[in-house]
Protein backbone atom coordinates (compact mmCIF):
# COMPACT_ATOMS: atom_id res chain seq x y z
CA MET A 1 65.10 32.61 -29.26
CA VAL A 2 62.18 30.02 -28.95
CA ILE A 3 63.13 26.42 -29.02
CA HIS A 4 60.71 24.15 -31.14
CA PHE A 5 60.27 20.66 -31.09
CA ASP A 6 59.56 18.10 -33.75
CA ILE A 7 59.79 20.64 -36.52
CA ALA A 8 59.28 18.51 -40.07
CA THR A 9 61.41 20.60 -42.31
CA PRO A 10 63.59 23.69 -42.53
CA LEU A 11 61.12 25.73 -44.36
CA THR A 12 58.79 24.91 -41.49
CA ALA A 13 61.30 26.22 -39.20
CA GLU A 14 61.66 29.40 -41.49
CA VAL A 15 58.03 29.80 -41.19
CA HIS A 16 57.82 29.43 -37.63
CA VAL A 17 60.04 31.88 -36.90
CA GLY A 18 58.13 34.55 -38.94
CA LEU A 19 55.13 33.64 -36.83
CA GLN A 20 57.16 34.11 -33.81
CA ALA A 21 58.47 37.57 -34.98
CA VAL A 22 54.77 38.83 -35.55
CA LYS A 23 53.91 37.45 -31.87
CA LEU A 24 56.33 39.45 -30.47
CA GLY A 25 55.88 42.58 -32.02
CA ILE A 26 51.89 42.17 -31.01
CA PHE A 27 52.95 41.09 -27.41
CA ILE A 28 55.55 44.49 -27.53
CA GLY A 29 52.70 46.54 -28.95
CA PHE A 30 54.42 47.61 -32.16
CA ASN A 31 52.56 49.76 -34.75
CA LYS A 32 55.05 49.03 -37.24
CA MET A 33 57.27 46.21 -37.86
CA GLU A 34 59.41 44.66 -40.52
CA VAL A 35 60.01 41.08 -40.48
CA VAL A 36 63.37 39.70 -42.14
CA GLY A 37 64.01 36.38 -43.06
CA ASP A 38 66.38 34.46 -45.54
CA SER A 39 64.10 32.06 -47.01
CA ARG A 40 62.37 34.08 -50.34
CA THR A 41 59.54 31.32 -50.31
CA VAL A 42 58.10 32.43 -46.55
CA ILE A 43 58.88 36.04 -47.45
CA LYS A 44 56.41 35.95 -50.72
CA LYS A 45 54.38 33.67 -48.90
CA CYS A 46 54.12 36.29 -46.17
CA GLN A 47 53.79 39.36 -48.09
CA SER A 48 50.82 37.67 -50.10
CA THR A 49 47.21 37.74 -49.60
CA ASP A 50 46.35 34.59 -51.38
CA ILE A 51 45.19 31.85 -49.32
CA ASP A 52 48.34 29.58 -48.82
CA LYS A 53 47.36 25.77 -49.67
CA SER A 54 51.29 24.45 -49.39
CA VAL A 55 52.62 22.17 -45.85
CA ILE A 56 53.11 25.55 -44.38
CA GLY A 57 49.66 27.05 -45.14
CA ALA A 58 48.39 27.13 -41.90
CA ILE A 59 51.29 29.25 -40.23
CA ILE A 60 51.35 31.19 -43.15
CA ARG A 61 47.53 32.16 -42.53
CA ASP A 62 48.51 32.81 -38.70
CA ILE A 63 50.73 35.10 -39.66
CA GLN A 64 48.46 36.85 -42.16
CA SER A 65 45.58 36.91 -39.40
CA LYS A 66 47.96 38.73 -37.34
CA LYS A 67 48.97 41.31 -40.10
CA ASP A 68 46.16 43.78 -39.23
CA LYS A 69 47.41 43.97 -35.53
CA PHE A 70 50.04 46.44 -36.83
CA GLU A 71 49.49 50.07 -38.54
CA GLU A 72 52.46 48.97 -41.00
CA ILE A 73 54.04 45.33 -41.23
CA LYS A 74 56.39 44.68 -44.06
CA PHE A 75 58.26 41.11 -44.86
CA HIS A 76 61.59 41.67 -46.39
CA PHE A 77 63.92 38.97 -48.36
CA ILE A 78 67.73 39.06 -47.21
CA LEU A 79 70.58 36.54 -48.49
CA LYS A 80 71.53 33.97 -45.81
CA VAL A 81 75.18 35.63 -45.80
CA GLU A 82 73.69 38.83 -44.37
CA ASN A 83 71.78 37.18 -41.86
CA THR A 84 74.70 35.34 -40.20
CA TYR A 85 74.31 36.78 -36.80
CA ALA A 86 70.79 35.00 -36.48
CA HIS A 87 72.16 31.81 -37.57
CA VAL A 88 74.66 31.99 -35.06
CA ILE A 89 72.61 33.17 -32.60
CA VAL A 90 70.25 30.04 -33.30
CA LYS A 91 73.13 27.26 -33.43
CA GLU A 92 74.43 29.29 -29.73
CA ALA A 93 70.71 28.50 -28.16
CA LEU A 94 70.38 25.15 -29.45
CA LYS A 95 73.92 23.70 -28.38
CA ARG A 96 73.08 25.34 -25.03
CA ARG A 97 68.94 24.54 -24.98
CA GLU A 98 67.88 28.03 -24.09
CA SER A 99 64.82 30.05 -24.79
CA TYR A 100 65.42 33.45 -24.55
CA TYR A 101 64.98 37.36 -26.13
CA LEU A 102 67.73 39.66 -27.22
CA MET A 103 66.76 42.72 -25.25
CA GLY A 104 69.60 45.30 -24.12
CA GLY A 105 72.51 43.44 -26.25
CA ILE A 106 73.77 40.25 -27.71
CA PRO A 107 75.23 37.58 -25.10
CA LYS A 108 78.47 37.26 -24.31
CA PHE A 109 78.66 33.72 -25.37
CA VAL A 110 77.25 34.66 -28.82
CA ARG A 111 79.72 37.62 -29.03
CA GLN A 112 82.40 34.58 -28.35
CA ALA A 113 81.10 32.50 -30.94
CA LEU A 114 81.05 35.36 -33.78
CA GLU A 115 84.74 35.96 -33.06
CA ASN A 116 85.48 32.38 -33.75
CA PHE A 117 83.74 32.74 -36.80
CA TRP A 118 85.21 35.90 -38.58
CA PRO A 119 88.67 35.77 -39.20
CA MET A 120 90.89 37.89 -37.61
CA HIS A 121 92.46 40.72 -39.16
CA PRO A 122 96.31 41.58 -39.20
CA ASP A 123 97.50 44.38 -37.28
């Protein structure tokens, strides 16, 4: 979780997430990587080899320039409802104004927020 300030649009935020994921993969030393996101536009642009001239084009080009650091890298779109964990983690991090990477498990406060998010099942 990396907090950025002065992000103009949700689309710009989504593409920054993709760039951060790719940078993390390089830092950790992954040979293969799969980036999953719920912005169809960002995922399509990351998959493309065309030069993007949109508002987010510079960030897309940055992502594309890093693809050669991997033996294999894939970008996949998922529906927002399938990405609930990521959105809860982001909301909790913003509330706490914290930056962190999730390694070794999900923090307790995120688990608690997820429990509040999902309705309880009857016994």
